[in-house]
Structures are given as structure tokens and as C-alpha cells.
Amino acid sequence: MPVPLSLLSRAAFAVVLALLLPAAASAQDDYTRHSVQIASTTEPLNGAARLLRPDGILEGEGTLKASLLEGEWAAFTSDGKKLVSITYRDGVRQGAVKVFFRASAGDAAGKVRMEGKMVDGAFEGSAASWHPSGSKRTQRTYAKGKLTAAQAWREDGDEAPAATASKIAEEDSKADLALVEACERVLRDVIAKGKRVAPGK
């Protein structure tokens, strides 16, 4: 018997919240123990940068311009798997954004779970998400961060009624934004407080 889509939505929301726990815990960390690996350590920071945890595991990577996030940035889990990819311009979310499945998703680990676009820090235009099986989960439309249209499907491909689809898309939107914001906070904190080190040191 198929699981009701509303239950799948709540379960997915719970999973995403669980994914936030490592980032939330890290937010309480002493970021002075983390490192910003960049060719020129002179402030303001410019160029390709790698953010490292105290144990040397990659935490994030991208480009800095005047110490601000610029272009595509990726944040990684403590086991080295990509969690999100966010595009920036002058430190503001502008462009493509992706969220990836975690190891707990089994064979789907590392695959795109959600893909969309952000303008001035908020979702804009079309966004889509997928079930771990690869089947479409939601198709959403945004205007200035507000969800304006949505479709949703069960993992078996059956489409959900409009009211249910709207609820699922809204829940997923909140979870996706919370995850993006949590990862961004970690990136910013490491850049602001982490030790500056040259590559290879």
C-alpha cells in the first residue's frame, strides 16, 4: 500500500531537520579552530578558498571577493559529502541553488534532491525536487520568495491533489531554505573567525 503523500512530506521534513543538526551544532563551535585556506591571506580575502574543520576535513569551498562569498559555493557534511551548492554575487544568494541527498538516502546519496534559483537571497522562478528513487517529488514556482504554484507526486508517480501539493511544497520550501541558511551561517562564521593559512600549510 502506498504511503500517503502527506506522511511522506512530514517524514521528509523531519529528515531535513535532522540534516540541520550537524550544522546547528557546528554553529556553537569555536570557529577560531577552523581554517580558511587561500593563496593570499591578506585582508580583504580574494580568490579561491577552502574552509577546513579542525580535523582538516573540507567544510566548504568557493571564491571570495573582498572577503564576501562570490560565485558557486559548496558546503560539505562532516563525512565529506556535498550538502548544498549556492551561487552568490557580492555576498548575496543570486543564482542556482542545489540541495543533495545525504548518505542516509542510500543509493541516492550525492544526487540532487532539490534544484532552483534564488534572487536577492530568496527563491525565485521554478524549482524542482526529487524522491530518492529519482522520480519527481515537487515542481514549484516562486515570486520574491513566496510560493505561487505547486505540484507534487508520490514516489510511484501518482499526482497529489492541489491542496496537498501546496502543503507539501510549502513544507519542503521551508526545510530547503532553513538548510541553505544554516550552511551559509557556517560558511560566513568560518570566513570571519577561522585561521588564515596558505595552501599546503
N, C-alpha and C. Protein backbone atom coordinates (compact mmCIF):
# COMPACT_ATOMS: atom_id res chain seq x y z
N MET A 1 0.85 -1.20 0.00
CA MET A 1 0.00 0.00 0.00
C MET A 1 0.88 1.25 0.00
N PRO A 2 0.62 2.21 -0.91
CA PRO A 2 1.44 3.41 -0.95
C PRO A 2 1.27 4.22 0.33
N VAL A 3 2.36 4.84 0.79
CA VAL A 3 2.29 5.72 1.95
C VAL A 3 1.66 7.04 1.52
N PRO A 4 0.67 7.57 2.29
CA PRO A 4 0.07 8.86 1.93
C PRO A 4 1.14 9.92 1.73
N LEU A 5 0.96 10.75 0.69
CA LEU A 5 1.97 11.76 0.38
C LEU A 5 2.15 12.74 1.52
N SER A 6 1.07 13.03 2.25
CA SER A 6 1.19 13.96 3.37
C SER A 6 2.15 13.40 4.42
N LEU A 7 2.10 12.07 4.63
CA LEU A 7 3.01 11.45 5.59
C LEU A 7 4.44 11.49 5.06
N LEU A 8 4.60 11.27 3.75
CA LEU A 8 5.92 11.35 3.16
C LEU A 8 6.49 12.74 3.33
N SER A 9 5.62 13.76 3.19
CA SER A 9 6.07 15.13 3.33
C SER A 9 6.58 15.39 4.74
N ARG A 10 5.80 14.94 5.75
CA ARG A 10 6.22 15.15 7.13
C ARG A 10 7.51 14.40 7.41
N ALA A 11 7.62 13.19 6.86
CA ALA A 11 8.83 12.40 7.07
C ALA A 11 10.03 13.09 6.44
N ALA A 12 9.83 13.60 5.20
CA ALA A 12 10.92 14.28 4.52
C ALA A 12 11.33 15.53 5.28
N PHE A 13 10.36 16.24 5.83
CA PHE A 13 10.63 17.45 6.59
C PHE A 13 11.47 17.10 7.82
N ALA A 14 11.10 16.00 8.48
CA ALA A 14 11.84 15.56 9.66
C ALA A 14 13.28 15.19 9.30
N VAL A 15 13.44 14.54 8.14
CA VAL A 15 14.78 14.16 7.70
C VAL A 15 15.63 15.40 7.47
N VAL A 16 15.06 16.41 6.81
CA VAL A 16 15.82 17.62 6.53
C VAL A 16 16.19 18.33 7.83
N LEU A 17 15.26 18.36 8.78
CA LEU A 17 15.58 18.97 10.06
C LEU A 17 16.72 18.21 10.73
N ALA A 18 16.70 16.90 10.59
CA ALA A 18 17.79 16.10 11.16
C ALA A 18 19.11 16.45 10.49
N LEU A 19 19.07 16.75 9.19
CA LEU A 19 20.29 17.11 8.47
C LEU A 19 20.86 18.41 9.00
N LEU A 20 19.98 19.25 9.55
CA LEU A 20 20.43 20.53 10.06
C LEU A 20 21.19 20.40 11.37
N LEU A 21 20.99 19.29 12.08
CA LEU A 21 21.60 19.16 13.40
C LEU A 21 23.11 19.32 13.39
N PRO A 22 23.84 18.67 12.44
CA PRO A 22 25.28 18.89 12.45
C PRO A 22 25.64 20.35 12.24
N ALA A 23 24.92 21.04 11.34
CA ALA A 23 25.21 22.45 11.10
C ALA A 23 24.86 23.28 12.31
N ALA A 24 23.72 22.96 12.97
CA ALA A 24 23.31 23.71 14.14
C ALA A 24 24.31 23.52 15.27
N ALA A 25 24.79 22.29 15.43
CA ALA A 25 25.78 22.03 16.46
C ALA A 25 27.07 22.77 16.15
N SER A 26 27.44 22.77 14.85
CA SER A 26 28.67 23.44 14.45
C SER A 26 28.60 24.93 14.71
N ALA A 27 27.35 25.48 14.67
CA ALA A 27 27.19 26.91 14.90
C ALA A 27 27.64 27.29 16.30
N GLN A 28 27.66 26.31 17.24
CA GLN A 28 28.11 26.57 18.60
C GLN A 28 29.61 26.34 18.74
N ASP A 29 30.26 25.92 17.67
CA ASP A 29 31.67 25.58 17.71
C ASP A 29 32.52 26.83 17.82
N ASP A 30 33.80 26.61 18.19
CA ASP A 30 34.77 27.69 18.22
C ASP A 30 35.39 27.79 16.83
N TYR A 31 34.90 28.71 16.04
CA TYR A 31 35.35 28.79 14.65
C TYR A 31 36.78 29.27 14.52
N THR A 32 37.38 29.75 15.60
CA THR A 32 38.79 30.13 15.52
C THR A 32 39.66 28.90 15.34
N ARG A 33 39.12 27.70 15.56
CA ARG A 33 39.86 26.46 15.38
C ARG A 33 39.74 25.94 13.94
N HIS A 34 38.87 26.56 13.15
CA HIS A 34 38.71 26.19 11.75
C HIS A 34 39.69 27.02 10.92
N SER A 35 39.85 26.67 9.65
CA SER A 35 40.83 27.35 8.80
C SER A 35 40.23 27.80 7.48
N VAL A 36 40.74 28.93 6.99
CA VAL A 36 40.42 29.42 5.65
C VAL A 36 41.69 29.27 4.84
N GLN A 37 41.72 28.33 3.91
CA GLN A 37 42.90 28.07 3.10
C GLN A 37 42.78 28.88 1.81
N ILE A 38 43.68 29.85 1.64
CA ILE A 38 43.60 30.76 0.50
C ILE A 38 44.99 31.26 0.16
N ALA A 39 45.26 31.49 -1.12
CA ALA A 39 46.61 31.85 -1.56
C ALA A 39 47.11 33.13 -0.89
N SER A 40 46.28 34.17 -0.88
CA SER A 40 46.66 35.43 -0.25
C SER A 40 45.87 35.59 1.04
N THR A 41 46.56 35.58 2.17
CA THR A 41 45.88 35.67 3.47
C THR A 41 45.71 37.10 3.93
N THR A 42 46.05 38.06 3.08
CA THR A 42 45.90 39.47 3.42
C THR A 42 44.45 39.89 3.29
N GLU A 43 43.95 40.65 4.28
CA GLU A 43 42.57 41.15 4.23
C GLU A 43 42.49 42.36 3.31
N PRO A 44 41.36 42.52 2.55
CA PRO A 44 40.26 41.56 2.44
C PRO A 44 40.67 40.35 1.60
N LEU A 45 40.04 39.24 1.86
CA LEU A 45 40.39 37.99 1.20
C LEU A 45 39.83 37.94 -0.22
N ASN A 46 40.66 37.52 -1.16
CA ASN A 46 40.24 37.39 -2.56
C ASN A 46 40.82 36.11 -3.15
N GLY A 47 39.97 35.41 -3.94
CA GLY A 47 40.44 34.22 -4.63
C GLY A 47 39.78 32.95 -4.16
N ALA A 48 40.23 31.83 -4.74
CA ALA A 48 39.68 30.53 -4.40
C ALA A 48 40.00 30.19 -2.95
N ALA A 49 39.00 29.68 -2.22
CA ALA A 49 39.18 29.38 -0.81
C ALA A 49 38.61 28.02 -0.46
N ARG A 50 39.26 27.36 0.50
CA ARG A 50 38.77 26.10 1.06
C ARG A 50 38.63 26.29 2.56
N LEU A 51 37.48 25.95 3.11
CA LEU A 51 37.24 26.06 4.53
C LEU A 51 37.39 24.68 5.15
N LEU A 52 38.22 24.59 6.19
CA LEU A 52 38.54 23.29 6.78
C LEU A 52 38.15 23.23 8.25
N ARG A 53 37.61 22.08 8.65
CA ARG A 53 37.32 21.83 10.05
C ARG A 53 38.64 21.64 10.81
N PRO A 54 38.59 21.66 12.16
CA PRO A 54 39.83 21.45 12.93
C PRO A 54 40.55 20.15 12.60
N ASP A 55 39.80 19.12 12.17
CA ASP A 55 40.43 17.84 11.82
C ASP A 55 40.91 17.81 10.37
N GLY A 56 40.80 18.94 9.65
CA GLY A 56 41.27 19.03 8.28
C GLY A 56 40.27 18.63 7.22
N ILE A 57 39.08 18.18 7.64
CA ILE A 57 38.05 17.77 6.68
C ILE A 57 37.44 19.01 6.03
N LEU A 58 37.23 18.94 4.73
CA LEU A 58 36.67 20.06 3.97
C LEU A 58 35.27 20.40 4.45
N GLU A 59 35.06 21.69 4.72
CA GLU A 59 33.77 22.19 5.20
C GLU A 59 33.04 23.00 4.14
N GLY A 60 33.81 23.68 3.32
CA GLY A 60 33.21 24.47 2.24
C GLY A 60 34.29 24.92 1.28
N GLU A 61 33.88 25.23 0.04
CA GLU A 61 34.85 25.75 -0.92
C GLU A 61 34.14 26.62 -1.95
N GLY A 62 34.88 27.63 -2.40
CA GLY A 62 34.32 28.56 -3.36
C GLY A 62 35.29 29.71 -3.56
N THR A 63 34.78 30.86 -3.96
CA THR A 63 35.61 32.04 -4.22
C THR A 63 35.19 33.18 -3.32
N LEU A 64 36.19 33.94 -2.86
CA LEU A 64 35.95 35.14 -2.06
C LEU A 64 36.32 36.37 -2.86
N LYS A 65 35.51 37.40 -2.75
CA LYS A 65 35.82 38.69 -3.37
C LYS A 65 35.63 39.75 -2.29
N ALA A 66 36.72 40.38 -1.89
CA ALA A 66 36.68 41.34 -0.79
C ALA A 66 36.08 40.70 0.47
N SER A 67 36.47 39.44 0.71
CA SER A 67 36.02 38.65 1.87
C SER A 67 34.55 38.26 1.82
N LEU A 68 33.88 38.48 0.68
CA LEU A 68 32.47 38.12 0.52
C LEU A 68 32.35 36.87 -0.35
N LEU A 69 31.32 36.07 -0.10
CA LEU A 69 31.04 34.90 -0.92
C LEU A 69 30.74 35.35 -2.35
N GLU A 70 31.36 34.66 -3.31
CA GLU A 70 31.19 35.05 -4.71
C GLU A 70 31.15 33.80 -5.59
N GLY A 71 30.22 33.77 -6.55
CA GLY A 71 30.11 32.62 -7.43
C GLY A 71 29.56 31.40 -6.70
N GLU A 72 29.91 30.22 -7.20
CA GLU A 72 29.37 28.99 -6.62
C GLU A 72 30.14 28.58 -5.37
N TRP A 73 29.40 28.34 -4.29
CA TRP A 73 29.97 27.82 -3.05
C TRP A 73 29.31 26.49 -2.71
N ALA A 74 30.11 25.57 -2.21
CA ALA A 74 29.59 24.27 -1.77
C ALA A 74 29.89 24.08 -0.30
N ALA A 75 28.93 23.53 0.42
CA ALA A 75 29.12 23.17 1.83
C ALA A 75 29.05 21.65 1.93
N PHE A 76 29.88 21.09 2.82
CA PHE A 76 30.01 19.64 2.93
C PHE A 76 29.68 19.14 4.33
N THR A 77 29.23 17.91 4.39
CA THR A 77 28.95 17.28 5.68
C THR A 77 30.27 16.88 6.33
N SER A 78 30.19 16.47 7.60
CA SER A 78 31.40 16.09 8.33
C SER A 78 32.05 14.83 7.76
N ASP A 79 31.31 14.08 6.91
CA ASP A 79 31.91 12.91 6.27
C ASP A 79 32.38 13.23 4.84
N GLY A 80 32.43 14.53 4.53
CA GLY A 80 33.00 14.96 3.25
C GLY A 80 32.07 14.95 2.07
N LYS A 81 30.76 14.73 2.29
CA LYS A 81 29.80 14.70 1.18
C LYS A 81 29.20 16.09 0.95
N LYS A 82 29.00 16.44 -0.32
CA LYS A 82 28.41 17.74 -0.63
C LYS A 82 26.97 17.79 -0.14
N LEU A 83 26.63 18.85 0.57
CA LEU A 83 25.29 19.02 1.13
C LEU A 83 24.47 20.05 0.35
N VAL A 84 25.09 21.18 0.04
CA VAL A 84 24.41 22.21 -0.74
C VAL A 84 25.41 22.88 -1.69
N SER A 85 24.87 23.47 -2.74
CA SER A 85 25.63 24.31 -3.66
C SER A 85 24.83 25.59 -3.82
N ILE A 86 25.45 26.73 -3.55
CA ILE A 86 24.75 28.03 -3.55
C ILE A 86 25.56 29.02 -4.38
N THR A 87 24.89 29.80 -5.21
CA THR A 87 25.55 30.81 -6.03
C THR A 87 25.37 32.19 -5.41
N TYR A 88 26.47 32.95 -5.37
CA TYR A 88 26.45 34.29 -4.74
C TYR A 88 26.96 35.37 -5.68
N ARG A 89 26.51 36.58 -5.42
CA ARG A 89 27.09 37.77 -6.03
C ARG A 89 27.20 38.83 -4.95
N ASP A 90 28.42 39.27 -4.70
CA ASP A 90 28.68 40.27 -3.65
C ASP A 90 28.11 39.85 -2.30
N GLY A 91 28.23 38.55 -1.99
CA GLY A 91 27.82 38.05 -0.69
C GLY A 91 26.35 37.75 -0.53
N VAL A 92 25.58 37.91 -1.61
CA VAL A 92 24.12 37.68 -1.56
C VAL A 92 23.79 36.49 -2.46
N ARG A 93 22.85 35.65 -2.01
CA ARG A 93 22.44 34.50 -2.83
C ARG A 93 21.78 34.99 -4.12
N GLN A 94 22.45 34.69 -5.24
CA GLN A 94 21.97 35.13 -6.56
C GLN A 94 22.30 34.05 -7.57
N GLY A 95 21.31 33.26 -7.97
CA GLY A 95 21.56 32.25 -8.98
C GLY A 95 21.18 30.86 -8.52
N ALA A 96 21.81 29.87 -9.14
CA ALA A 96 21.43 28.47 -8.92
C ALA A 96 21.70 28.02 -7.48
N VAL A 97 20.80 27.18 -6.98
CA VAL A 97 20.97 26.57 -5.67
C VAL A 97 20.57 25.09 -5.78
N LYS A 98 21.36 24.23 -5.13
CA LYS A 98 21.07 22.79 -5.14
C LYS A 98 21.23 22.23 -3.73
N VAL A 99 20.37 21.27 -3.41
CA VAL A 99 20.49 20.50 -2.16
C VAL A 99 20.66 19.05 -2.56
N PHE A 100 21.56 18.34 -1.90
CA PHE A 100 21.89 16.97 -2.27
C PHE A 100 21.42 15.96 -1.21
N PHE A 101 21.13 14.75 -1.66
CA PHE A 101 20.77 13.68 -0.74
C PHE A 101 21.98 13.30 0.11
N ARG A 102 21.73 12.96 1.37
CA ARG A 102 22.78 12.51 2.29
C ARG A 102 22.97 11.00 2.17
N ALA A 103 23.98 10.50 2.90
CA ALA A 103 24.29 9.06 2.88
C ALA A 103 23.10 8.23 3.34
N SER A 104 22.26 8.79 4.21
CA SER A 104 21.10 8.06 4.72
C SER A 104 20.09 7.73 3.62
N ALA A 105 20.24 8.38 2.45
CA ALA A 105 19.33 8.12 1.33
C ALA A 105 19.77 6.91 0.51
N GLY A 106 20.80 6.22 0.97
CA GLY A 106 21.24 5.01 0.27
C GLY A 106 21.84 5.30 -1.09
N ASP A 107 21.33 4.62 -2.12
CA ASP A 107 21.88 4.76 -3.47
C ASP A 107 21.71 6.17 -4.03
N ALA A 108 20.81 6.96 -3.43
CA ALA A 108 20.58 8.32 -3.91
C ALA A 108 21.60 9.31 -3.35
N ALA A 109 22.43 8.87 -2.40
CA ALA A 109 23.41 9.76 -1.77
C ALA A 109 24.25 10.48 -2.82
N GLY A 110 24.36 11.80 -2.67
CA GLY A 110 25.16 12.59 -3.60
C GLY A 110 24.39 13.10 -4.80
N LYS A 111 23.18 12.59 -5.00
CA LYS A 111 22.37 13.06 -6.12
C LYS A 111 21.57 14.30 -5.70
N VAL A 112 21.16 15.09 -6.69
CA VAL A 112 20.42 16.32 -6.40
C VAL A 112 19.04 16.00 -5.86
N ARG A 113 18.71 16.58 -4.72
CA ARG A 113 17.38 16.41 -4.12
C ARG A 113 16.46 17.58 -4.46
N MET A 114 17.07 18.78 -4.57
CA MET A 114 16.29 19.97 -4.93
C MET A 114 17.17 20.89 -5.76
N GLU A 115 16.57 21.50 -6.77
CA GLU A 115 17.30 22.44 -7.61
C GLU A 115 16.41 23.63 -7.93
N GLY A 116 16.94 24.82 -7.77
CA GLY A 116 16.16 26.01 -8.04
C GLY A 116 17.05 27.22 -8.26
N LYS A 117 16.47 28.39 -8.07
CA LYS A 117 17.17 29.65 -8.29
C LYS A 117 16.80 30.61 -7.17
N MET A 118 17.76 31.47 -6.81
CA MET A 118 17.50 32.47 -5.78
C MET A 118 17.89 33.84 -6.31
N VAL A 119 17.10 34.84 -5.95
CA VAL A 119 17.37 36.23 -6.31
C VAL A 119 17.26 37.06 -5.03
N ASP A 120 18.29 37.84 -4.76
CA ASP A 120 18.33 38.65 -3.54
C ASP A 120 18.06 37.81 -2.29
N GLY A 121 18.59 36.58 -2.30
CA GLY A 121 18.52 35.73 -1.12
C GLY A 121 17.27 34.88 -1.00
N ALA A 122 16.30 35.05 -1.90
CA ALA A 122 15.03 34.33 -1.80
C ALA A 122 14.79 33.49 -3.06
N PHE A 123 14.01 32.42 -2.91
CA PHE A 123 13.67 31.60 -4.07
C PHE A 123 12.91 32.44 -5.11
N GLU A 124 13.20 32.17 -6.38
CA GLU A 124 12.56 32.92 -7.47
C GLU A 124 12.41 31.99 -8.68
N GLY A 125 11.27 32.07 -9.35
CA GLY A 125 11.06 31.26 -10.54
C GLY A 125 10.80 29.80 -10.21
N SER A 126 11.29 28.91 -11.06
CA SER A 126 10.99 27.49 -10.92
C SER A 126 12.00 26.76 -10.03
N ALA A 127 11.50 25.77 -9.31
CA ALA A 127 12.33 24.87 -8.50
C ALA A 127 11.70 23.49 -8.57
N ALA A 128 12.53 22.48 -8.47
CA ALA A 128 12.02 21.11 -8.52
C ALA A 128 12.74 20.27 -7.47
N SER A 129 12.06 19.22 -7.01
CA SER A 129 12.70 18.28 -6.08
C SER A 129 12.35 16.86 -6.50
N TRP A 130 13.15 15.91 -5.98
CA TRP A 130 13.01 14.52 -6.39
C TRP A 130 12.99 13.59 -5.17
N HIS A 131 12.33 12.45 -5.35
CA HIS A 131 12.38 11.39 -4.35
C HIS A 131 13.73 10.68 -4.47
N PRO A 132 14.15 9.92 -3.46
CA PRO A 132 15.41 9.17 -3.57
C PRO A 132 15.45 8.23 -4.77
N SER A 133 14.28 7.77 -5.21
CA SER A 133 14.24 6.87 -6.36
C SER A 133 14.55 7.58 -7.68
N GLY A 134 14.50 8.92 -7.65
CA GLY A 134 14.73 9.70 -8.85
C GLY A 134 13.46 10.23 -9.48
N SER A 135 12.30 9.77 -9.00
CA SER A 135 11.03 10.28 -9.53
C SER A 135 10.77 11.68 -8.98
N LYS A 136 10.04 12.47 -9.73
CA LYS A 136 9.78 13.86 -9.35
C LYS A 136 8.92 13.91 -8.09
N ARG A 137 9.30 14.79 -7.16
CA ARG A 137 8.55 14.97 -5.92
C ARG A 137 7.70 16.24 -5.99
N THR A 138 8.34 17.37 -6.30
CA THR A 138 7.58 18.62 -6.40
C THR A 138 8.08 19.46 -7.57
N GLN A 139 7.19 20.29 -8.08
CA GLN A 139 7.52 21.34 -9.03
C GLN A 139 6.92 22.60 -8.44
N ARG A 140 7.76 23.61 -8.22
CA ARG A 140 7.30 24.82 -7.52
C ARG A 140 7.61 26.07 -8.33
N THR A 141 6.81 27.10 -8.10
CA THR A 141 7.05 28.41 -8.71
C THR A 141 7.02 29.46 -7.60
N TYR A 142 8.01 30.37 -7.64
CA TYR A 142 8.13 31.40 -6.61
C TYR A 142 8.15 32.79 -7.23
N ALA A 143 7.74 33.76 -6.44
CA ALA A 143 7.88 35.17 -6.78
C ALA A 143 8.34 35.88 -5.51
N LYS A 144 9.57 36.38 -5.54
CA LYS A 144 10.18 37.07 -4.39
C LYS A 144 10.08 36.24 -3.12
N GLY A 145 10.37 34.96 -3.23
CA GLY A 145 10.41 34.09 -2.07
C GLY A 145 9.07 33.48 -1.68
N LYS A 146 8.01 33.92 -2.31
CA LYS A 146 6.67 33.40 -1.98
C LYS A 146 6.28 32.30 -2.97
N LEU A 147 5.81 31.18 -2.43
CA LEU A 147 5.36 30.09 -3.27
C LEU A 147 4.04 30.47 -3.94
N THR A 148 4.02 30.47 -5.28
CA THR A 148 2.83 30.90 -6.01
C THR A 148 2.12 29.75 -6.73
N ALA A 149 2.81 28.64 -6.96
CA ALA A 149 2.20 27.49 -7.63
C ALA A 149 3.00 26.24 -7.27
N ALA A 150 2.30 25.10 -7.21
CA ALA A 150 3.00 23.87 -6.83
C ALA A 150 2.29 22.63 -7.35
N GLN A 151 3.07 21.63 -7.70
CA GLN A 151 2.58 20.29 -7.99
C GLN A 151 3.41 19.32 -7.16
N ALA A 152 2.83 18.17 -6.81
CA ALA A 152 3.57 17.17 -6.05
C ALA A 152 3.14 15.78 -6.49
N TRP A 153 4.06 14.84 -6.37
CA TRP A 153 3.80 13.46 -6.80
C TRP A 153 4.28 12.48 -5.75
N ARG A 154 3.57 11.37 -5.66
CA ARG A 154 4.05 10.26 -4.84
C ARG A 154 5.26 9.65 -5.52
N GLU A 155 5.97 8.81 -4.80
CA GLU A 155 7.15 8.18 -5.39
C GLU A 155 6.77 7.24 -6.53
N ASP A 156 5.50 6.75 -6.51
CA ASP A 156 5.06 5.86 -7.59
C ASP A 156 4.57 6.62 -8.81
N GLY A 157 4.63 7.97 -8.74
CA GLY A 157 4.27 8.80 -9.88
C GLY A 157 2.87 9.38 -9.84
N ASP A 158 2.02 8.94 -8.89
CA ASP A 158 0.67 9.49 -8.79
C ASP A 158 0.73 10.94 -8.32
N GLU A 159 -0.01 11.82 -9.00
CA GLU A 159 0.00 13.23 -8.64
C GLU A 159 -0.93 13.49 -7.46
N ALA A 160 -0.50 14.37 -6.57
CA ALA A 160 -1.27 14.72 -5.38
C ALA A 160 -2.31 15.77 -5.72
N PRO A 161 -3.43 15.82 -4.98
CA PRO A 161 -4.41 16.88 -5.16
C PRO A 161 -3.76 18.24 -4.91
N ALA A 162 -4.34 19.27 -5.49
CA ALA A 162 -3.75 20.61 -5.42
C ALA A 162 -3.49 21.08 -3.99
N ALA A 163 -4.46 20.86 -3.10
CA ALA A 163 -4.31 21.33 -1.71
C ALA A 163 -3.15 20.61 -1.02
N THR A 164 -3.05 19.30 -1.25
CA THR A 164 -1.97 18.53 -0.66
C THR A 164 -0.63 18.95 -1.24
N ALA A 165 -0.59 19.16 -2.54
CA ALA A 165 0.64 19.57 -3.21
C ALA A 165 1.15 20.90 -2.67
N SER A 166 0.23 21.83 -2.44
CA SER A 166 0.61 23.13 -1.91
C SER A 166 1.22 23.01 -0.52
N LYS A 167 0.61 22.16 0.31
CA LYS A 167 1.12 21.97 1.66
C LYS A 167 2.49 21.33 1.66
N ILE A 168 2.67 20.31 0.83
CA ILE A 168 3.96 19.62 0.75
C ILE A 168 5.04 20.58 0.24
N ALA A 169 4.72 21.33 -0.81
CA ALA A 169 5.69 22.26 -1.38
C ALA A 169 6.08 23.33 -0.37
N GLU A 170 5.11 23.79 0.40
CA GLU A 170 5.39 24.81 1.42
C GLU A 170 6.32 24.26 2.50
N GLU A 171 6.04 23.04 2.94
CA GLU A 171 6.89 22.41 3.96
C GLU A 171 8.31 22.19 3.42
N ASP A 172 8.38 21.68 2.20
CA ASP A 172 9.70 21.44 1.60
C ASP A 172 10.45 22.75 1.41
N SER A 173 9.74 23.81 1.02
CA SER A 173 10.37 25.11 0.82
C SER A 173 11.01 25.62 2.10
N LYS A 174 10.27 25.51 3.19
CA LYS A 174 10.79 25.97 4.49
C LYS A 174 12.01 25.17 4.90
N ALA A 175 11.95 23.86 4.70
CA ALA A 175 13.07 22.99 5.07
C ALA A 175 14.29 23.29 4.20
N ASP A 176 14.08 23.47 2.89
CA ASP A 176 15.20 23.75 1.99
C ASP A 176 15.85 25.09 2.34
N LEU A 177 15.03 26.10 2.59
CA LEU A 177 15.58 27.42 2.92
C LEU A 177 16.32 27.37 4.26
N ALA A 178 15.77 26.65 5.24
CA ALA A 178 16.43 26.54 6.54
C ALA A 178 17.80 25.88 6.40
N LEU A 179 17.88 24.86 5.55
CA LEU A 179 19.16 24.17 5.34
C LEU A 179 20.17 25.09 4.66
N VAL A 180 19.73 25.79 3.62
CA VAL A 180 20.61 26.72 2.92
C VAL A 180 21.12 27.80 3.88
N GLU A 181 20.23 28.35 4.68
CA GLU A 181 20.61 29.41 5.61
C GLU A 181 21.58 28.89 6.68
N ALA A 182 21.33 27.67 7.17
CA ALA A 182 22.22 27.09 8.19
C ALA A 182 23.62 26.89 7.64
N CYS A 183 23.71 26.35 6.42
CA CYS A 183 25.02 26.15 5.80
C CYS A 183 25.71 27.48 5.55
N GLU A 184 24.96 28.46 5.11
CA GLU A 184 25.53 29.78 4.85
C GLU A 184 26.10 30.40 6.13
N ARG A 185 25.38 30.24 7.24
CA ARG A 185 25.88 30.78 8.51
C ARG A 185 27.22 30.17 8.88
N VAL A 186 27.35 28.86 8.67
CA VAL A 186 28.61 28.19 8.97
C VAL A 186 29.73 28.75 8.07
N LEU A 187 29.46 28.87 6.77
CA LEU A 187 30.46 29.41 5.85
C LEU A 187 30.90 30.80 6.29
N ARG A 188 29.96 31.65 6.59
CA ARG A 188 30.28 33.03 6.99
C ARG A 188 31.08 33.06 8.29
N ASP A 189 30.70 32.23 9.25
CA ASP A 189 31.39 32.23 10.54
C ASP A 189 32.83 31.75 10.40
N VAL A 190 33.03 30.71 9.58
CA VAL A 190 34.40 30.23 9.38
C VAL A 190 35.24 31.30 8.69
N ILE A 191 34.68 31.96 7.68
CA ILE A 191 35.42 33.01 6.97
C ILE A 191 35.76 34.17 7.90
N ALA A 192 34.83 34.52 8.78
CA ALA A 192 35.04 35.65 9.68
C ALA A 192 36.02 35.33 10.82
N LYS A 193 35.99 34.08 11.31
CA LYS A 193 36.75 33.77 12.52
C LYS A 193 37.88 32.77 12.33
N GLY A 194 37.88 32.05 11.22
CA GLY A 194 38.87 30.99 11.02
C GLY A 194 40.28 31.51 10.80
N LYS A 195 41.27 30.66 11.06
CA LYS A 195 42.67 30.98 10.82
C LYS A 195 42.93 31.07 9.32
N ARG A 196 43.73 32.02 8.91
CA ARG A 196 44.10 32.15 7.51
C ARG A 196 45.37 31.34 7.27
N VAL A 197 45.32 30.41 6.32
CA VAL A 197 46.51 29.62 6.02
C VAL A 197 46.68 29.52 4.51
N ALA A 198 47.91 29.49 4.06
CA ALA A 198 48.20 29.34 2.64
C ALA A 198 48.06 27.86 2.27
N PRO A 199 47.71 27.55 1.03
CA PRO A 199 47.61 26.15 0.59
C PRO A 199 48.90 25.39 0.86
N GLY A 200 48.76 24.15 1.31
CA GLY A 200 49.93 23.32 1.58
C GLY A 200 50.51 23.46 2.96
N LYS A 201 49.92 24.35 3.76
CA LYS A 201 50.43 24.54 5.12
C LYS A 201 49.46 23.98 6.15
